[in-house]
Protein backbone atom coordinates (compact mmCIF):
# COMPACT_ATOMS: atom_id res chain seq x y z
CA MET A 1 -4.86 17.77 8.72
CA PRO A 2 -7.86 15.54 9.67
CA ARG A 3 -10.98 16.44 7.77
CA TRP A 4 -14.14 17.36 9.64
CA TYR A 5 -17.54 16.84 8.03
CA PRO A 6 -20.71 18.88 8.82
CA VAL A 7 -23.00 15.87 9.26
CA ALA A 8 -26.11 17.15 11.09
CA LEU A 9 -27.68 20.12 12.82
CA SER A 10 -26.65 20.25 16.46
CA ALA A 11 -30.23 21.08 17.44
CA ASP A 12 -31.47 17.78 15.95
CA LEU A 13 -29.72 15.77 18.69
CA ARG A 14 -31.28 15.84 22.16
CA PRO A 15 -29.21 14.78 25.20
CA GLY A 16 -30.03 11.26 26.36
CA ALA A 17 -32.81 10.91 23.79
CA ASN A 18 -32.82 10.34 20.02
CA ILE A 19 -30.40 8.66 17.62
CA VAL A 20 -29.93 10.27 14.20
CA ALA A 21 -28.59 8.54 11.09
CA GLY A 22 -25.83 10.25 9.15
CA PHE A 23 -23.26 9.69 6.40
CA ALA A 24 -19.77 10.94 5.59
CA GLU A 25 -17.65 9.61 2.71
CA GLY A 26 -19.87 6.51 2.55
CA GLN A 27 -19.50 5.79 6.27
CA GLU A 28 -22.89 5.18 7.88
CA LEU A 29 -23.13 6.91 11.26
CA ALA A 30 -25.24 6.78 14.40
CA LEU A 31 -25.32 10.25 15.97
CA TRP A 32 -26.48 10.83 19.54
CA ARG A 33 -25.77 12.66 22.78
CA SER A 34 -25.04 11.25 26.19
CA ALA A 35 -27.08 12.59 29.10
CA ASP A 36 -24.52 15.34 29.72
CA GLY A 37 -24.94 16.57 26.13
CA ALA A 38 -21.61 15.28 24.77
CA ALA A 39 -21.83 14.61 21.02
CA GLN A 40 -21.28 11.04 19.84
CA ALA A 41 -20.66 9.75 16.32
CA TRP A 42 -20.38 5.97 15.95
CA ASP A 43 -20.26 3.42 13.17
CA ASN A 44 -23.93 2.54 12.76
CA ARG A 45 -23.39 -1.17 13.46
CA CYS A 46 -23.45 -3.01 16.76
CA PRO A 47 -20.23 -5.06 16.98
CA HIS A 48 -22.20 -8.02 18.35
CA ARG A 49 -24.52 -8.84 15.43
CA SER A 50 -24.13 -5.80 13.13
CA VAL A 51 -27.64 -4.47 13.76
CA ARG A 52 -27.91 -0.72 13.15
CA PHE A 53 -27.55 1.34 16.31
CA THR A 54 -30.15 3.78 14.94
CA LEU A 55 -32.76 1.09 15.66
CA GLY A 56 -31.78 1.12 19.33
CA ARG A 57 -32.12 3.63 22.13
CA VAL A 58 -30.12 5.86 24.43
CA VAL A 59 -29.96 4.77 28.07
CA GLU A 60 -28.43 7.66 30.00
CA ASP A 61 -24.75 7.54 28.93
CA ARG A 62 -25.04 4.32 26.94
CA LEU A 63 -26.23 3.28 23.51
CA SER A 64 -28.36 0.14 23.60
CA CYS A 65 -28.69 -2.16 20.58
CA ALA A 66 -32.24 -3.08 19.58
CA TYR A 67 -31.45 -6.76 18.98
CA HIS A 68 -30.06 -8.17 22.25
CA GLY A 69 -29.90 -4.95 24.24
CA TRP A 70 -26.14 -4.88 24.62
CA GLN A 71 -25.10 -1.49 25.96
CA TYR A 72 -22.03 0.56 24.99
CA ALA A 73 -20.54 3.49 26.90
CA ALA A 74 -20.43 7.02 25.54
CA GLY A 75 -16.98 8.28 24.67
CA ASN A 76 -15.11 5.03 24.05
CA GLY A 77 -17.85 2.67 22.79
CA GLN A 78 -16.86 -0.07 25.24
CA CYS A 79 -19.49 -2.76 25.86
CA VAL A 80 -20.51 -2.39 29.51
CA SER A 81 -23.70 -4.41 29.89
CA ILE A 82 -25.34 -7.57 28.53
CA PRO A 83 -28.90 -7.59 29.91
CA ALA A 84 -29.42 -11.32 29.25
CA HIS A 85 -26.46 -12.06 31.54
CA PRO A 86 -26.44 -9.28 34.16
CA ALA A 87 -23.96 -11.07 36.42
CA MET A 88 -21.42 -11.60 33.64
CA GLN A 89 -18.71 -9.05 33.03
CA ALA A 90 -18.98 -7.58 29.54
CA PRO A 91 -16.14 -8.73 27.23
CA ARG A 92 -13.44 -6.08 27.02
CA ASN A 93 -12.73 -6.82 23.36
CA VAL A 94 -16.25 -5.85 22.24
CA CYS A 95 -16.30 -2.16 21.40
CA ALA A 96 -18.27 0.06 19.02
CA LYS A 97 -16.26 2.07 16.50
CA VAL A 98 -16.22 5.68 17.65
CA PHE A 99 -15.36 8.79 15.63
CA GLY A 100 -14.47 12.30 16.74
CA ALA A 101 -17.51 14.57 17.08
CA VAL A 102 -17.76 18.24 18.00
CA ASP A 103 -20.41 20.97 17.93
CA ALA A 104 -19.46 24.18 16.14
CA ALA A 105 -21.41 26.86 14.24
CA GLY A 106 -24.72 25.10 14.83
CA MET A 107 -23.52 21.85 13.24
CA LEU A 108 -22.26 18.50 14.47
CA TRP A 109 -18.90 17.85 12.79
CA VAL A 110 -17.40 14.37 12.50
CA ASN A 111 -13.82 13.26 11.90
CA LEU A 112 -13.52 9.74 10.45
CA LEU A 113 -9.79 9.40 11.14
CA SER A 114 -9.72 10.00 14.88
CA GLN A 115 -12.03 9.85 17.87
CA ASP A 116 -10.25 12.80 19.48
CA ALA A 117 -12.72 15.70 19.45
CA SER A 118 -10.05 18.02 20.84
CA ALA A 119 -8.29 17.84 17.46
CA ALA A 120 -11.05 19.91 15.82
CA PRO A 121 -9.62 23.13 14.35
CA PRO A 122 -10.88 26.39 15.91
CA SER A 123 -11.87 27.57 12.41
CA LEU A 124 -14.97 25.36 12.52
CA ALA A 125 -16.57 27.88 14.85
CA ASP A 126 -16.24 30.49 12.08
CA ALA A 127 -17.96 28.40 9.42
CA VAL A 128 -21.28 30.21 10.05
CA PRO A 129 -21.39 33.79 11.39
CA ALA A 130 -22.88 34.20 14.85
CA GLY A 131 -26.57 35.02 14.80
CA TRP A 132 -27.24 33.51 11.37
CA HIS A 133 -30.15 31.15 10.81
CA PHE A 134 -30.44 27.70 9.30
CA CYS A 135 -32.41 27.67 6.04
CA ARG A 136 -32.48 24.07 4.82
CA THR A 137 -30.43 21.03 3.84
CA LEU A 138 -30.29 20.23 0.14
CA THR A 139 -30.01 16.58 -0.89
CA LEU A 140 -28.19 16.38 -4.22
CA ARG A 141 -27.72 13.35 -6.44
CA ALA A 142 -24.27 14.47 -7.51
CA GLY A 143 -20.66 14.11 -6.43
CA ALA A 144 -19.25 16.58 -3.93
CA LYS A 145 -16.70 17.96 -6.40
CA ASP A 146 -19.45 18.79 -8.91
CA VAL A 147 -21.47 20.44 -6.14
CA ARG A 148 -18.52 22.55 -5.02
CA ASP A 149 -17.81 23.59 -8.61
CA ALA A 150 -21.45 24.56 -9.07
CA LEU A 151 -21.49 26.64 -5.88
CA ALA A 152 -18.44 28.52 -7.12
CA GLN A 153 -20.13 29.11 -10.49
CA HIS A 154 -23.13 30.58 -8.66
CA GLY A 155 -20.97 33.14 -6.90
CA LEU A 156 -20.20 31.38 -3.60
CA ALA A 157 -16.51 31.61 -2.76
CA ALA A 158 -14.76 28.79 -0.92
CA ASP A 159 -13.44 29.54 2.57
CA THR A 160 -11.10 26.57 2.97
CA ALA A 161 -10.12 27.43 6.54
CA ALA A 162 -13.71 27.21 7.76
CA GLY A 163 -14.83 24.57 5.25
CA ALA A 164 -17.62 26.77 3.91
CA PHE A 165 -18.83 28.56 0.77
CA ARG A 166 -19.89 32.18 1.21
CA GLY A 167 -21.70 34.56 -1.07
CA VAL A 168 -25.05 35.82 -2.31
CA LEU A 169 -27.87 33.70 -3.72
CA GLU A 170 -30.70 35.68 -5.33
CA GLY A 171 -29.67 38.74 -3.32
CA VAL A 172 -29.51 36.89 0.02
CA GLN A 173 -26.27 36.54 1.99
CA SER A 174 -25.65 32.82 2.42
CA VAL A 175 -23.22 30.20 3.68
CA ALA A 176 -23.19 26.66 2.29
CA LEU A 177 -21.58 23.75 4.15
CA VAL A 178 -20.94 20.76 1.88
CA LEU A 179 -21.08 17.17 3.13
CA ASP A 180 -19.61 14.35 1.03
CA ALA A 181 -22.14 11.71 2.04
CA GLN A 182 -21.69 9.03 -0.63
CA PRO A 183 -20.01 8.91 -4.08
CA GLN A 184 -23.08 10.37 -5.82
CA LEU A 185 -24.88 11.84 -2.84
CA THR A 186 -24.03 15.24 -1.39
CA PHE A 187 -25.74 17.34 1.26
CA VAL A 188 -25.54 21.13 1.40
CA HIS A 189 -26.47 22.79 4.69
CA LEU A 190 -27.59 26.32 3.87
CA TRP A 191 -27.40 29.16 6.41
CA THR A 192 -28.29 32.84 6.03
CA GLU A 193 -28.44 36.16 7.82
CA ALA A 194 -32.13 36.39 6.82
CA SER A 195 -34.65 35.93 9.61
CA PRO A 196 -36.97 32.88 9.67
CA GLY A 197 -40.24 33.59 7.91
CA SER A 198 -38.93 36.70 6.17
CA ASP A 199 -39.27 37.34 2.45
CA ALA A 200 -35.51 36.94 2.12
CA MET A 201 -35.68 33.49 3.70
CA LYS A 202 -38.47 32.48 1.31
CA THR A 203 -36.38 33.77 -1.58
CA LEU A 204 -33.45 31.66 -0.44
CA HIS A 205 -35.62 28.54 -0.24
CA THR A 206 -36.62 29.10 -3.87
CA ALA A 207 -33.03 29.79 -4.89
CA ALA A 208 -31.95 26.54 -3.19
CA ARG A 209 -34.51 24.51 -5.15
CA ASN A 210 -33.36 26.14 -8.38
CA LEU A 211 -29.75 25.44 -7.48
CA ARG A 212 -30.49 21.79 -6.86
CA GLY A 213 -32.24 21.51 -10.23
CA ALA A 214 -29.33 23.15 -12.01
CA ILE A 215 -26.73 20.89 -10.38
CA GLU A 216 -28.63 17.63 -10.94
CA THR A 217 -29.51 18.55 -14.54
CA GLN A 218 -25.90 19.38 -15.27
CA GLY A 219 -24.77 16.08 -13.75
């Protein structure tokens, strides 16, 4: 089964606006939305001169490279415009590498093996219970396996169907989504039933910092 990675908060991507950098299994990503709100996850390199797409801009339903302004269409990554030569048809063999991307449970999930977003399993929607709130993303200088082992040791049980860890941290109901970013870099997106600004949310923030210290010290 293709693996889906929780790369970024859905709310961080605005339709037709910003480009967000992301990682999954060492793959550098450019994350954005077309004007209709469709999620896009691309290799963060323009196929023309390998400049990072995250330095560029979104032009309606196209991603425009910052270097020469070449524009690529949402969905398939096909080059559709070369501003320096407006009368010339864009070469059909120039295409950005596109990955599958889907919004579920407040996160943007990316599949590195296919660009077919329809292949996303329905269980992704159950990764975070409805009505729960985002707490924070932990950046950990540790491998994903060590992070998962540590979460289990701290009482969070793995839900393999939804790709989440569930349990209680310092008395607060929590869900942790683990992202294998790079060999020794892991992100943990932490969600909770606690309301923003509540004492329970503050407690969870402290527990998350302590958890990070414990994992990195152990590693």
